[in-house]
Amino acid sequence: MDGETHAHSRSDGAAIRQLEPRRGIELAGLGLVAALAAAMVGFVALDWLRHVLSPAALLFEQFLIVGMWLDYYLGTNVFQHAFMWRQIATGVCIGIVAPLVGTYLVHRQMALIGETLAHTAFAGVAVGLIFTGLTGWSGSLLWIALVVGVLGALAVQWLTEHTTAFGDVPIAIMLTGSFAVGTLLISWGRSSMSIAIDIEGYLFGNLSVVTADGARMMAILSVAVVAVVAATYKQLLFITFDEQAARVARLNVRWYNTLLIVMTAVVVVGAMQVLGVILVAGMLVIPVATASQIARSFRETLYCSILFGQCAILGGFALALGLDLPSGGSIIVVAILFYLCSIALSDRSAAAISMH
């Protein structure tokens, strides 16, 4: 018995020593992602304040000068332009918050909800186009899409709680219904109001869709989502793995379920401008699936999914810019390549995930 105990102790110690370098790499990667995100949010803030504060304008110009030096050394013509930094900033934010929220959705087997809310956001864009045509409003369509997306999230939650349909039937109905409403509104707007509608960018993703308002909205929403997840991490983790026990513990499960779905709607609307309605759900699911192949705990899955999401965003941007391809498809293809590599390199086909 003593021999077996010592053998197990040695094997456990070896496993811990093997995990320590990987944990260090993960934390270092998260530190780099955090630094990049802080720089990008700072750029968006400077872009916003440069018209009213002269120090912000000076710092903004210095940022672009750094971009010019990057173009000089890399032989590109990308980083000296403010609009390109807005697109990169939006993508970096998406690469953090989409896997962050998606980790909870995947472990709760709610991956379809992202696709549903993306179609709801598409209906929101259609509503925004009609509203703009009727009123002449010049604001961003994403704000209207955000309102409609949040309302759609609340409607999905209400349907799930108040219908007797099996499984995800209410979600599937909402998915098809919202997309049908969007297509009808766009067709009606084109025929009745002579609205010039280029909807392809919202369907498939296009870097040119990202505006200063869109980048600012994504930065604000990303900071809000990260703050909310950090504040409610334990509660969301509890309902993710054992909702019934959370109810017994008198946790307000309905409130946290609603909060998760609303955060999903917020992320989907912000990501729609880069990934497109059809592909936006991929960033909620694929990085998490990739991380799940190598992670041993929920927290590690969360960390690794953010790292893989960020790599997919940056790799997809490079592919889209280099070959003049749509950004949405490029990002998802890169994300899938990471997923396939994780399967090939993983030493397990399935494993239980620890709650820690």
Foldseek 3Di string as FASTA:
>chain_A
DVVVVVVVVVVVVVVVVVVVVVVVVLVVLVVVLVVVLVVLLLLLVLVVCVVPDVVSVVVNQVQLVVQVVVCVVVVHDQRNDSLSSLLLNLLSLLLQLLQLLLLLCVLLVNLLLLLLLLLQLLLQLLVLLVVCLVPVDDDDSLVSSLVSSLVLLVVLLVCVVPDPDPDCVSSVCSRVVSNVNNVVSVVCCCVPRVGDDDCVCLAANASVLRDSVLSNLSSVLSVVSVVVCVVCVVVSLCCSVPVPVCVVVVHPSSVVSSVSSSNSSSSSSSCSNGQHSNQSSLLSHLLLLLQQLADQASVSSSSSSSSLSSVLQVQLVCVCVVVVHRSNVSSSVSSVVSSVVSCVPGPDPHDDHHSD
